[in-house]
Amino acid sequence: LRPTPELSFAVRELGAIAGIVVTASHNPAEYNGYKVYWEDGA
C-alpha cells in the first residue's frame, strides 16, 4: 500500500501515460473505489 499522492508523483516520475489508485478515500469500510490519473499526474 502507498499514499495517493505518491501515485500522482510516480506517474510523472516514470513517464507513464496514466495511473490508477484503488481507494475510497475516507469512506466507511464497506466502500472501495478506483481513481484514474493521466500522464500529468492529475
PDB file of all heavy atoms in Angstrom:
ATOM      1  N   LEU A   1       0.817  -1.214   0.000  1.00  0.00           N
ATOM      2  CA  LEU A   1       0.000   0.000   0.000  1.00  0.00           C
ATOM      3  C   LEU A   1       0.851   1.265   0.000  1.00  0.00           C
ATOM      4  O   LEU A   1       1.917   1.313   0.622  1.00  0.00           O
ATOM      5  CB  LEU A   1      -0.969  -0.008   1.177  1.00  0.00           C
ATOM      6  CG  LEU A   1      -0.484   0.212   2.600  1.00  0.00           C
ATOM      7  CD1 LEU A   1      -1.676   0.338   3.542  1.00  0.00           C
ATOM      8  CD2 LEU A   1       0.416  -0.916   3.099  1.00  0.00           C
ATOM      9  N   ARG A   2       0.359   2.288  -0.724  1.00  0.00           N
ATOM     10  CA  ARG A   2       1.044   3.571  -0.844  1.00  0.00           C
ATOM     11  C   ARG A   2       0.022   4.703  -0.862  1.00  0.00           C
ATOM     12  O   ARG A   2      -1.121   4.516  -1.273  1.00  0.00           O
ATOM     13  CB  ARG A   2       1.861   3.653  -2.146  1.00  0.00           C
ATOM     14  CG  ARG A   2       3.090   2.758  -2.221  1.00  0.00           C
ATOM     15  CD  ARG A   2       4.129   3.086  -1.178  1.00  0.00           C
ATOM     16  NE  ARG A   2       5.398   2.414  -1.387  1.00  0.00           N
ATOM     17  CZ  ARG A   2       5.671   1.133  -1.119  1.00  0.00           C
ATOM     18  NH1 ARG A   2       4.715   0.353  -0.643  1.00  0.00           N
ATOM     19  NH2 ARG A   2       6.869   0.626  -1.329  1.00  0.00           N
ATOM     20  N   PRO A   3       0.436   5.914  -0.446  1.00  0.00           N
ATOM     21  CA  PRO A   3      -0.474   7.060  -0.488  1.00  0.00           C
ATOM     22  C   PRO A   3      -0.834   7.460  -1.917  1.00  0.00           C
ATOM     23  O   PRO A   3      -0.020   7.323  -2.837  1.00  0.00           O
ATOM     24  CB  PRO A   3       0.329   8.183   0.188  1.00  0.00           C
ATOM     25  CG  PRO A   3       1.457   7.515   0.887  1.00  0.00           C
ATOM     26  CD  PRO A   3       1.741   6.264   0.127  1.00  0.00           C
ATOM     27  N   THR A   4      -2.021   7.997  -2.068  1.00  0.00           N
ATOM     28  CA  THR A   4      -2.444   8.521  -3.365  1.00  0.00           C
ATOM     29  C   THR A   4      -1.468   9.552  -3.934  1.00  0.00           C
ATOM     30  O   THR A   4      -1.150   9.513  -5.125  1.00  0.00           O
ATOM     31  CB  THR A   4      -3.856   9.107  -3.254  1.00  0.00           C
ATOM     32  OG1 THR A   4      -4.782   8.024  -3.106  1.00  0.00           O
ATOM     33  CG2 THR A   4      -4.232   9.929  -4.460  1.00  0.00           C
ATOM     34  N   PRO A   5      -0.960  10.517  -3.135  1.00  0.00           N
ATOM     35  CA  PRO A   5      -0.039  11.493  -3.728  1.00  0.00           C
ATOM     36  C   PRO A   5       1.242  10.866  -4.271  1.00  0.00           C
ATOM     37  O   PRO A   5       1.821  11.392  -5.217  1.00  0.00           O
ATOM     38  CB  PRO A   5       0.254  12.461  -2.578  1.00  0.00           C
ATOM     39  CG  PRO A   5      -0.156  11.749  -1.332  1.00  0.00           C
ATOM     40  CD  PRO A   5      -1.289  10.863  -1.735  1.00  0.00           C
ATOM     41  N   GLU A   6       1.662   9.745  -3.700  1.00  0.00           N
ATOM     42  CA  GLU A   6       2.851   9.088  -4.255  1.00  0.00           C
ATOM     43  C   GLU A   6       2.534   8.477  -5.615  1.00  0.00           C
ATOM     44  O   GLU A   6       3.404   8.432  -6.489  1.00  0.00           O
ATOM     45  CB  GLU A   6       3.411   8.029  -3.297  1.00  0.00           C
ATOM     46  CG  GLU A   6       4.727   7.480  -3.787  1.00  0.00           C
ATOM     47  CD  GLU A   6       5.449   6.582  -2.798  1.00  0.00           C
ATOM     48  OE1 GLU A   6       5.014   6.475  -1.630  1.00  0.00           O
ATOM     49  OE2 GLU A   6       6.474   5.965  -3.191  1.00  0.00           O
ATOM     50  N   LEU A   7       1.302   8.015  -5.795  1.00  0.00           N
ATOM     51  CA  LEU A   7       0.893   7.549  -7.121  1.00  0.00           C
ATOM     52  C   LEU A   7       0.971   8.688  -8.124  1.00  0.00           C
ATOM     53  O   LEU A   7       1.514   8.530  -9.225  1.00  0.00           O
ATOM     54  CB  LEU A   7      -0.522   6.975  -7.049  1.00  0.00           C
ATOM     55  CG  LEU A   7      -1.214   6.433  -8.308  1.00  0.00           C
ATOM     56  CD1 LEU A   7      -1.810   7.498  -9.186  1.00  0.00           C
ATOM     57  CD2 LEU A   7      -0.312   5.506  -9.097  1.00  0.00           C
ATOM     58  N   SER A   8       0.445   9.856  -7.730  1.00  0.00           N
ATOM     59  CA  SER A   8       0.499  11.024  -8.609  1.00  0.00           C
ATOM     60  C   SER A   8       1.944  11.354  -8.973  1.00  0.00           C
ATOM     61  O   SER A   8       2.249  11.642 -10.136  1.00  0.00           O
ATOM     62  CB  SER A   8      -0.159  12.216  -7.907  1.00  0.00           C
ATOM     63  OG  SER A   8      -0.011  13.388  -8.659  1.00  0.00           O
ATOM     64  N   PHE A   9       2.813  11.329  -7.986  1.00  0.00           N
ATOM     65  CA  PHE A   9       4.238  11.579  -8.223  1.00  0.00           C
ATOM     66  C   PHE A   9       4.835  10.544  -9.175  1.00  0.00           C
ATOM     67  O   PHE A   9       5.556  10.877 -10.117  1.00  0.00           O
ATOM     68  CB  PHE A   9       4.986  11.557  -6.883  1.00  0.00           C
ATOM     69  CG  PHE A   9       6.479  11.505  -7.005  1.00  0.00           C
ATOM     70  CD1 PHE A   9       7.207  12.638  -7.321  1.00  0.00           C
ATOM     71  CD2 PHE A   9       7.163  10.312  -6.812  1.00  0.00           C
ATOM     72  CE1 PHE A   9       8.596  12.592  -7.438  1.00  0.00           C
ATOM     73  CE2 PHE A   9       8.543  10.246  -6.922  1.00  0.00           C
ATOM     74  CZ  PHE A   9       9.263  11.402  -7.238  1.00  0.00           C
ATOM     75  N   ALA A  10       4.513   9.260  -8.940  1.00  0.00           N
ATOM     76  CA  ALA A  10       5.127   8.174  -9.700  1.00  0.00           C
ATOM     77  C   ALA A  10       4.728   8.205 -11.171  1.00  0.00           C
ATOM     78  O   ALA A  10       5.529   7.829 -12.043  1.00  0.00           O
ATOM     79  CB  ALA A  10       4.751   6.829  -9.081  1.00  0.00           C
ATOM     80  N   VAL A  11       3.524   8.641 -11.479  1.00  0.00           N
ATOM     81  CA  VAL A  11       3.085   8.701 -12.879  1.00  0.00           C
ATOM     82  C   VAL A  11       4.034   9.564 -13.696  1.00  0.00           C
ATOM     83  O   VAL A  11       4.491   9.172 -14.781  1.00  0.00           O
ATOM     84  CB  VAL A  11       1.637   9.241 -12.978  1.00  0.00           C
ATOM     85  CG1 VAL A  11       1.287   9.581 -14.419  1.00  0.00           C
ATOM     86  CG2 VAL A  11       0.651   8.225 -12.428  1.00  0.00           C
ATOM     87  N   ARG A  12       4.357  10.740 -13.179  1.00  0.00           N
ATOM     88  CA  ARG A  12       5.273  11.631 -13.903  1.00  0.00           C
ATOM     89  C   ARG A  12       6.715  11.161 -13.797  1.00  0.00           C
ATOM     90  O   ARG A  12       7.494  11.279 -14.747  1.00  0.00           O
ATOM     91  CB  ARG A  12       5.116  13.050 -13.377  1.00  0.00           C
ATOM     92  CG  ARG A  12       3.784  13.674 -13.757  1.00  0.00           C
ATOM     93  CD  ARG A  12       3.481  14.964 -13.033  1.00  0.00           C
ATOM     94  NE  ARG A  12       4.451  15.993 -13.326  1.00  0.00           N
ATOM     95  CZ  ARG A  12       5.185  16.617 -12.398  1.00  0.00           C
ATOM     96  NH1 ARG A  12       5.064  16.310 -11.124  1.00  0.00           N
ATOM     97  NH2 ARG A  12       6.026  17.554 -12.755  1.00  0.00           N
ATOM     98  N   GLU A  13       7.068  10.650 -12.635  1.00  0.00           N
ATOM     99  CA  GLU A  13       8.451  10.203 -12.428  1.00  0.00           C
ATOM    100  C   GLU A  13       8.818   9.063 -13.373  1.00  0.00           C
ATOM    101  O   GLU A  13       9.950   8.980 -13.871  1.00  0.00           O
ATOM    102  CB  GLU A  13       8.626   9.756 -10.967  1.00  0.00           C
ATOM    103  CG  GLU A  13      10.053   9.474 -10.562  1.00  0.00           C
ATOM    104  CD  GLU A  13      10.914  10.715 -10.444  1.00  0.00           C
ATOM    105  OE1 GLU A  13      10.387  11.853 -10.545  1.00  0.00           O
ATOM    106  OE2 GLU A  13      12.135  10.556 -10.255  1.00  0.00           O
ATOM    107  N   LEU A  14       7.863   8.170 -13.655  1.00  0.00           N
ATOM    108  CA  LEU A  14       8.116   7.018 -14.527  1.00  0.00           C
ATOM    109  C   LEU A  14       7.718   7.286 -15.976  1.00  0.00           C
ATOM    110  O   LEU A  14       7.883   6.416 -16.831  1.00  0.00           O
ATOM    111  CB  LEU A  14       7.363   5.789 -14.004  1.00  0.00           C
ATOM    112  CG  LEU A  14       7.849   5.242 -12.653  1.00  0.00           C
ATOM    113  CD1 LEU A  14       6.935   4.120 -12.165  1.00  0.00           C
ATOM    114  CD2 LEU A  14       9.288   4.748 -12.750  1.00  0.00           C
ATOM    115  N   GLY A  15       7.182   8.478 -16.248  1.00  0.00           N
ATOM    116  CA  GLY A  15       6.779   8.805 -17.609  1.00  0.00           C
ATOM    117  C   GLY A  15       5.629   7.953 -18.108  1.00  0.00           C
ATOM    118  O   GLY A  15       5.549   7.636 -19.306  1.00  0.00           O
ATOM    119  N   ALA A  16       4.719   7.560 -17.223  1.00  0.00           N
ATOM    120  CA  ALA A  16       3.591   6.707 -17.596  1.00  0.00           C
ATOM    121  C   ALA A  16       2.515   7.519 -18.308  1.00  0.00           C
ATOM    122  O   ALA A  16       2.447   8.737 -18.184  1.00  0.00           O
ATOM    123  CB  ALA A  16       3.014   6.031 -16.356  1.00  0.00           C
ATOM    124  N   ILE A  17       1.661   6.837 -19.039  1.00  0.00           N
ATOM    125  CA  ILE A  17       0.548   7.508 -19.706  1.00  0.00           C
ATOM    126  C   ILE A  17      -0.599   7.753 -18.742  1.00  0.00           C
ATOM    127  O   ILE A  17      -1.380   8.703 -18.900  1.00  0.00           O
ATOM    128  CB  ILE A  17       0.044   6.698 -20.934  1.00  0.00           C
ATOM    129  CG1 ILE A  17      -0.952   7.514 -21.768  1.00  0.00           C
ATOM    130  CG2 ILE A  17      -0.590   5.386 -20.513  1.00  0.00           C
ATOM    131  CD1 ILE A  17      -0.387   8.761 -22.401  1.00  0.00           C
ATOM    132  N   ALA A  18      -0.712   6.902 -17.711  1.00  0.00           N
ATOM    133  CA  ALA A  18      -1.847   7.028 -16.794  1.00  0.00           C
ATOM    134  C   ALA A  18      -1.492   6.398 -15.454  1.00  0.00           C
ATOM    135  O   ALA A  18      -0.445   5.753 -15.293  1.00  0.00           O
ATOM    136  CB  ALA A  18      -3.091   6.366 -17.380  1.00  0.00           C
ATOM    137  N   GLY A  19      -2.382   6.598 -14.501  1.00  0.00           N
ATOM    138  CA  GLY A  19      -2.230   5.986 -13.187  1.00  0.00           C
ATOM    139  C   GLY A  19      -3.588   5.568 -12.662  1.00  0.00           C
ATOM    140  O   GLY A  19      -4.620   6.141 -13.023  1.00  0.00           O
ATOM    141  N   ILE A  20      -3.577   4.559 -11.829  1.00  0.00           N
ATOM    142  CA  ILE A  20      -4.797   4.105 -11.150  1.00  0.00           C
ATOM    143  C   ILE A  20      -4.477   3.983  -9.671  1.00  0.00           C
ATOM    144  O   ILE A  20      -3.437   3.422  -9.296  1.00  0.00           O
ATOM    145  CB  ILE A  20      -5.265   2.726 -11.669  1.00  0.00           C
ATOM    146  CG1 ILE A  20      -5.650   2.793 -13.146  1.00  0.00           C
ATOM    147  CG2 ILE A  20      -6.430   2.194 -10.832  1.00  0.00           C
ATOM    148  CD1 ILE A  20      -5.839   1.416 -13.790  1.00  0.00           C
ATOM    149  N   VAL A  21      -5.340   4.506  -8.828  1.00  0.00           N
ATOM    150  CA  VAL A  21      -5.200   4.252  -7.397  1.00  0.00           C
ATOM    151  C   VAL A  21      -6.499   3.646  -6.898  1.00  0.00           C
ATOM    152  O   VAL A  21      -7.588   4.157  -7.164  1.00  0.00           O
ATOM    153  CB  VAL A  21      -4.817   5.516  -6.594  1.00  0.00           C
ATOM    154  CG1 VAL A  21      -5.849   6.607  -6.730  1.00  0.00           C
ATOM    155  CG2 VAL A  21      -4.598   5.185  -5.124  1.00  0.00           C
ATOM    156  N   VAL A  22      -6.381   2.507  -6.236  1.00  0.00           N
ATOM    157  CA  VAL A  22      -7.536   1.814  -5.679  1.00  0.00           C
ATOM    158  C   VAL A  22      -7.747   2.317  -4.256  1.00  0.00           C
ATOM    159  O   VAL A  22      -6.941   2.030  -3.370  1.00  0.00           O
ATOM    160  CB  VAL A  22      -7.342   0.293  -5.699  1.00  0.00           C
ATOM    161  CG1 VAL A  22      -8.554  -0.408  -5.087  1.00  0.00           C
ATOM    162  CG2 VAL A  22      -7.112  -0.200  -7.119  1.00  0.00           C
ATOM    163  N   THR A  23      -8.800   3.087  -4.060  1.00  0.00           N
ATOM    164  CA  THR A  23      -9.089   3.686  -2.762  1.00  0.00           C
ATOM    165  C   THR A  23     -10.521   4.206  -2.761  1.00  0.00           C
ATOM    166  O   THR A  23     -11.070   4.528  -3.814  1.00  0.00           O
ATOM    167  CB  THR A  23      -8.130   4.849  -2.448  1.00  0.00           C
ATOM    168  OG1 THR A  23      -8.465   5.402  -1.167  1.00  0.00           O
ATOM    169  CG2 THR A  23      -8.232   5.949  -3.485  1.00  0.00           C
ATOM    170  N   ALA A  24     -11.092   4.302  -1.575  1.00  0.00           N
ATOM    171  CA  ALA A  24     -12.358   5.030  -1.410  1.00  0.00           C
ATOM    172  C   ALA A  24     -12.134   6.164  -0.425  1.00  0.00           C
ATOM    173  O   ALA A  24     -13.047   6.575   0.285  1.00  0.00           O
ATOM    174  CB  ALA A  24     -13.472   4.105  -0.945  1.00  0.00           C
ATOM    175  N   SER A  25     -10.878   6.633  -0.365  1.00  0.00           N
ATOM    176  CA  SER A  25     -10.524   7.771   0.466  1.00  0.00           C
ATOM    177  C   SER A  25     -10.965   7.545   1.899  1.00  0.00           C
ATOM    178  O   SER A  25     -10.574   6.571   2.526  1.00  0.00           O
ATOM    179  CB  SER A  25     -11.108   9.054  -0.139  1.00  0.00           C
ATOM    180  OG  SER A  25     -10.641  10.185   0.537  1.00  0.00           O
ATOM    181  N   HIS A  26     -11.832   8.420   2.430  1.00  0.00           N
ATOM    182  CA  HIS A  26     -12.224   8.343   3.839  1.00  0.00           C
ATOM    183  C   HIS A  26     -13.625   7.774   4.011  1.00  0.00           C
ATOM    184  O   HIS A  26     -14.237   7.932   5.064  1.00  0.00           O
ATOM    185  CB  HIS A  26     -12.158   9.735   4.464  1.00  0.00           C
ATOM    186  CG  HIS A  26     -12.950  10.756   3.713  1.00  0.00           C
ATOM    187  ND1 HIS A  26     -12.492  11.317   2.544  1.00  0.00           N
ATOM    188  CD2 HIS A  26     -14.168  11.291   3.938  1.00  0.00           C
ATOM    189  CE1 HIS A  26     -13.393  12.174   2.093  1.00  0.00           C
ATOM    190  NE2 HIS A  26     -14.422  12.181   2.910  1.00  0.00           N
ATOM    191  N   ASN A  27     -14.154   7.093   2.992  1.00  0.00           N
ATOM    192  CA  ASN A  27     -15.478   6.477   3.115  1.00  0.00           C
ATOM    193  C   ASN A  27     -15.474   5.345   4.139  1.00  0.00           C
ATOM    194  O   ASN A  27     -14.417   4.819   4.492  1.00  0.00           O
ATOM    195  CB  ASN A  27     -15.927   5.932   1.759  1.00  0.00           C
ATOM    196  CG  ASN A  27     -16.488   7.012   0.863  1.00  0.00           C
ATOM    197  OD1 ASN A  27     -15.747   7.857   0.360  1.00  0.00           O
ATOM    198  ND2 ASN A  27     -17.781   7.008   0.654  1.00  0.00           N
ATOM    199  N   PRO A  28     -16.652   4.925   4.593  1.00  0.00           N
ATOM    200  CA  PRO A  28     -16.725   3.788   5.525  1.00  0.00           C
ATOM    201  C   PRO A  28     -16.116   2.515   4.934  1.00  0.00           C
ATOM    202  O   PRO A  28     -15.899   2.415   3.723  1.00  0.00           O
ATOM    203  CB  PRO A  28     -18.233   3.626   5.766  1.00  0.00           C
ATOM    204  CG  PRO A  28     -18.803   4.983   5.512  1.00  0.00           C
ATOM    205  CD  PRO A  28     -17.974   5.562   4.397  1.00  0.00           C
ATOM    206  N   ALA A  29     -15.902   1.537   5.810  1.00  0.00           N
ATOM    207  CA  ALA A  29     -15.127   0.346   5.455  1.00  0.00           C
ATOM    208  C   ALA A  29     -15.741  -0.477   4.334  1.00  0.00           C
ATOM    209  O   ALA A  29     -15.024  -1.191   3.621  1.00  0.00           O
ATOM    210  CB  ALA A  29     -14.940  -0.542   6.694  1.00  0.00           C
ATOM    211  N   GLU A  30     -17.065  -0.413   4.143  1.00  0.00           N
ATOM    212  CA  GLU A  30     -17.702  -1.247   3.126  1.00  0.00           C
ATOM    213  C   GLU A  30     -17.492  -0.723   1.710  1.00  0.00           C
ATOM    214  O   GLU A  30     -17.876  -1.377   0.741  1.00  0.00           O
ATOM    215  CB  GLU A  30     -19.205  -1.387   3.410  1.00  0.00           C
ATOM    216  CG  GLU A  30     -20.011  -0.104   3.345  1.00  0.00           C
ATOM    217  CD  GLU A  30     -20.161   0.589   4.696  1.00  0.00           C
ATOM    218  OE1 GLU A  30     -19.278   0.399   5.560  1.00  0.00           O
ATOM    219  OE2 GLU A  30     -21.158   1.322   4.875  1.00  0.00           O
ATOM    220  N   TYR A  31     -16.855   0.430   1.562  1.00  0.00           N
ATOM    221  CA  TYR A  31     -16.627   1.037   0.246  1.00  0.00           C
ATOM    222  C   TYR A  31     -15.218   0.760  -0.281  1.00  0.00           C
ATOM    223  O   TYR A  31     -14.271   0.569   0.486  1.00  0.00           O
ATOM    224  CB  TYR A  31     -16.805   2.560   0.315  1.00  0.00           C
ATOM    225  CG  TYR A  31     -18.238   3.023   0.355  1.00  0.00           C
ATOM    226  CD1 TYR A  31     -18.962   2.992   1.542  1.00  0.00           C
ATOM    227  CD2 TYR A  31     -18.870   3.493  -0.792  1.00  0.00           C
ATOM    228  CE1 TYR A  31     -20.278   3.425   1.587  1.00  0.00           C
ATOM    229  CE2 TYR A  31     -20.193   3.929  -0.755  1.00  0.00           C
ATOM    230  CZ  TYR A  31     -20.887   3.882   0.436  1.00  0.00           C
ATOM    231  OH  TYR A  31     -22.188   4.306   0.478  1.00  0.00           O
ATOM    232  N   ASN A  32     -15.114   0.747  -1.594  1.00  0.00           N
ATOM    233  CA  ASN A  32     -13.819   0.879  -2.246  1.00  0.00           C
ATOM    234  C   ASN A  32     -14.029   1.653  -3.540  1.00  0.00           C
ATOM    235  O   ASN A  32     -15.157   1.942  -3.929  1.00  0.00           O
ATOM    236  CB  ASN A  32     -13.148  -0.469  -2.502  1.00  0.00           C
ATOM    237  CG  ASN A  32     -11.630  -0.363  -2.431  1.00  0.00           C
ATOM    238  OD1 ASN A  32     -11.047   0.669  -2.771  1.00  0.00           O
ATOM    239  ND2 ASN A  32     -10.980  -1.427  -1.986  1.00  0.00           N
ATOM    240  N   GLY A  33     -12.931   2.000  -4.182  1.00  0.00           N
ATOM    241  CA  GLY A  33     -13.037   2.827  -5.382  1.00  0.00           C
ATOM    242  C   GLY A  33     -11.799   2.716  -6.247  1.00  0.00           C
ATOM    243  O   GLY A  33     -10.872   1.943  -5.974  1.00  0.00           O
ATOM    244  N   TYR A  34     -11.774   3.542  -7.280  1.00  0.00           N
ATOM    245  CA  TYR A  34     -10.786   3.390  -8.359  1.00  0.00           C
ATOM    246  C   TYR A  34     -10.691   4.737  -9.054  1.00  0.00           C
ATOM    247  O   TYR A  34     -11.647   5.178  -9.677  1.00  0.00           O
ATOM    248  CB  TYR A  34     -11.337   2.298  -9.254  1.00  0.00           C
ATOM    249  CG  TYR A  34     -10.703   2.001 -10.584  1.00  0.00           C
ATOM    250  CD1 TYR A  34     -10.101   0.763 -10.790  1.00  0.00           C
ATOM    251  CD2 TYR A  34     -10.775   2.872 -11.663  1.00  0.00           C
ATOM    252  CE1 TYR A  34      -9.591   0.409 -12.038  1.00  0.00           C
ATOM    253  CE2 TYR A  34     -10.259   2.545 -12.908  1.00  0.00           C
ATOM    254  CZ  TYR A  34      -9.673   1.300 -13.087  1.00  0.00           C
ATOM    255  OH  TYR A  34      -9.172   0.942 -14.314  1.00  0.00           O
ATOM    256  N   LYS A  35      -9.582   5.446  -8.860  1.00  0.00           N
ATOM    257  CA  LYS A  35      -9.410   6.764  -9.463  1.00  0.00           C
ATOM    258  C   LYS A  35      -8.386   6.687 -10.589  1.00  0.00           C
ATOM    259  O   LYS A  35      -7.373   5.992 -10.477  1.00  0.00           O
ATOM    260  CB  LYS A  35      -8.940   7.780  -8.412  1.00  0.00           C
ATOM    261  CG  LYS A  35      -9.968   8.071  -7.340  1.00  0.00           C
ATOM    262  CD  LYS A  35      -9.603   9.279  -6.499  1.00  0.00           C
ATOM    263  CE  LYS A  35      -8.418   9.033  -5.600  1.00  0.00           C
ATOM    264  NZ  LYS A  35      -8.209  10.132  -4.628  1.00  0.00           N
ATOM    265  N   VAL A  36      -8.655   7.434 -11.648  1.00  0.00           N
ATOM    266  CA  VAL A  36      -7.775   7.420 -12.826  1.00  0.00           C
ATOM    267  C   VAL A  36      -7.040   8.751 -12.952  1.00  0.00           C
ATOM    268  O   VAL A  36      -7.642   9.824 -12.830  1.00  0.00           O
ATOM    269  CB  VAL A  36      -8.583   7.148 -14.110  1.00  0.00           C
ATOM    270  CG1 VAL A  36      -7.669   7.196 -15.338  1.00  0.00           C
ATOM    271  CG2 VAL A  36      -9.264   5.788 -14.020  1.00  0.00           C
ATOM    272  N   TYR A  37      -5.743   8.663 -13.201  1.00  0.00           N
ATOM    273  CA  TYR A  37      -4.870   9.823 -13.413  1.00  0.00           C
ATOM    274  C   TYR A  37      -4.316   9.762 -14.825  1.00  0.00           C
ATOM    275  O   TYR A  37      -4.163   8.684 -15.399  1.00  0.00           O
ATOM    276  CB  TYR A  37      -3.717   9.811 -12.402  1.00  0.00           C
ATOM    277  CG  TYR A  37      -4.174  10.046 -10.985  1.00  0.00           C
ATOM    278  CD1 TYR A  37      -4.913   9.086 -10.298  1.00  0.00           C
ATOM    279  CD2 TYR A  37      -3.893  11.239 -10.326  1.00  0.00           C
ATOM    280  CE1 TYR A  37      -5.358   9.304  -9.007  1.00  0.00           C
ATOM    281  CE2 TYR A  37      -4.331  11.463  -9.031  1.00  0.00           C
ATOM    282  CZ  TYR A  37      -5.066  10.495  -8.379  1.00  0.00           C
ATOM    283  OH  TYR A  37      -5.510  10.726  -7.110  1.00  0.00           O
ATOM    284  N   TRP A  38      -3.989  10.950 -15.371  1.00  0.00           N
ATOM    285  CA  TRP A  38      -3.379  10.964 -16.699  1.00  0.00           C
ATOM    286  C   TRP A  38      -1.892  11.283 -16.559  1.00  0.00           C
ATOM    287  O   TRP A  38      -1.364  11.390 -15.440  1.00  0.00           O
ATOM    288  CB  TRP A  38      -4.122  11.930 -17.619  1.00  0.00           C
ATOM    289  CG  TRP A  38      -3.931  11.609 -19.079  1.00  0.00           C
ATOM    290  CD1 TRP A  38      -3.380  12.396 -20.026  1.00  0.00           C
ATOM    291  CD2 TRP A  38      -4.280  10.377 -19.732  1.00  0.00           C
ATOM    292  NE1 TRP A  38      -3.360  11.750 -21.237  1.00  0.00           N
ATOM    293  CE2 TRP A  38      -3.903  10.495 -21.086  1.00  0.00           C
ATOM    294  CE3 TRP A  38      -4.860   9.175 -19.309  1.00  0.00           C
ATOM    295  CZ2 TRP A  38      -4.096   9.483 -22.031  1.00  0.00           C
ATOM    296  CZ3 TRP A  38      -5.056   8.159 -20.243  1.00  0.00           C
ATOM    297  CH2 TRP A  38      -4.668   8.323 -21.582  1.00  0.00           C
ATOM    298  N   GLU A  39      -1.197  11.432 -17.671  1.00  0.00           N
ATOM    299  CA  GLU A  39       0.263  11.489 -17.653  1.00  0.00           C
ATOM    300  C   GLU A  39       0.827  12.716 -16.945  1.00  0.00           C
ATOM    301  O   GLU A  39       2.001  12.736 -16.574  1.00  0.00           O
ATOM    302  CB  GLU A  39       0.830  11.410 -19.075  1.00  0.00           C
ATOM    303  CG  GLU A  39       0.383  12.529 -19.999  1.00  0.00           C
ATOM    304  CD  GLU A  39       0.867  12.318 -21.423  1.00  0.00           C
ATOM    305  OE1 GLU A  39       1.941  11.701 -21.602  1.00  0.00           O
ATOM    306  OE2 GLU A  39       0.185  12.760 -22.353  1.00  0.00           O
ATOM    307  N   ASP A  40      -0.005  13.743 -16.717  1.00  0.00           N
ATOM    308  CA  ASP A  40       0.452  14.916 -15.971  1.00  0.00           C
ATOM    309  C   ASP A  40       0.413  14.685 -14.465  1.00  0.00           C
ATOM    310  O   ASP A  40       0.813  15.563 -13.696  1.00  0.00           O
ATOM    311  CB  ASP A  40      -0.384  16.140 -16.335  1.00  0.00           C
ATOM    312  CG  ASP A  40      -1.858  15.957 -16.001  1.00  0.00           C
ATOM    313  OD1 ASP A  40      -2.318  14.800 -15.956  1.00  0.00           O
ATOM    314  OD2 ASP A  40      -2.545  16.967 -15.791  1.00  0.00           O
ATOM    315  N   GLY A  41      -0.079  13.520 -14.035  1.00  0.00           N
ATOM    316  CA  GLY A  41      -0.118  13.194 -12.612  1.00  0.00           C
ATOM    317  C   GLY A  41      -1.368  13.658 -11.905  1.00  0.00           C
ATOM    318  O   GLY A  41      -1.529  13.442 -10.707  1.00  0.00           O
ATOM    319  N   ALA A  42      -2.282  14.313 -12.626  1.00  0.00           N
ATOM    320  CA  ALA A  42      -3.546  14.776 -12.041  1.00  0.00           C
ATOM    321  C   ALA A  42      -4.670  13.830 -12.441  1.00  0.00           C
ATOM    322  O   ALA A  42      -4.587  13.126 -13.455  1.00  0.00           O
ATOM    323  CB  ALA A  42      -3.864  16.199 -12.505  1.00  0.00           C
TER     324      ALA A  42
END
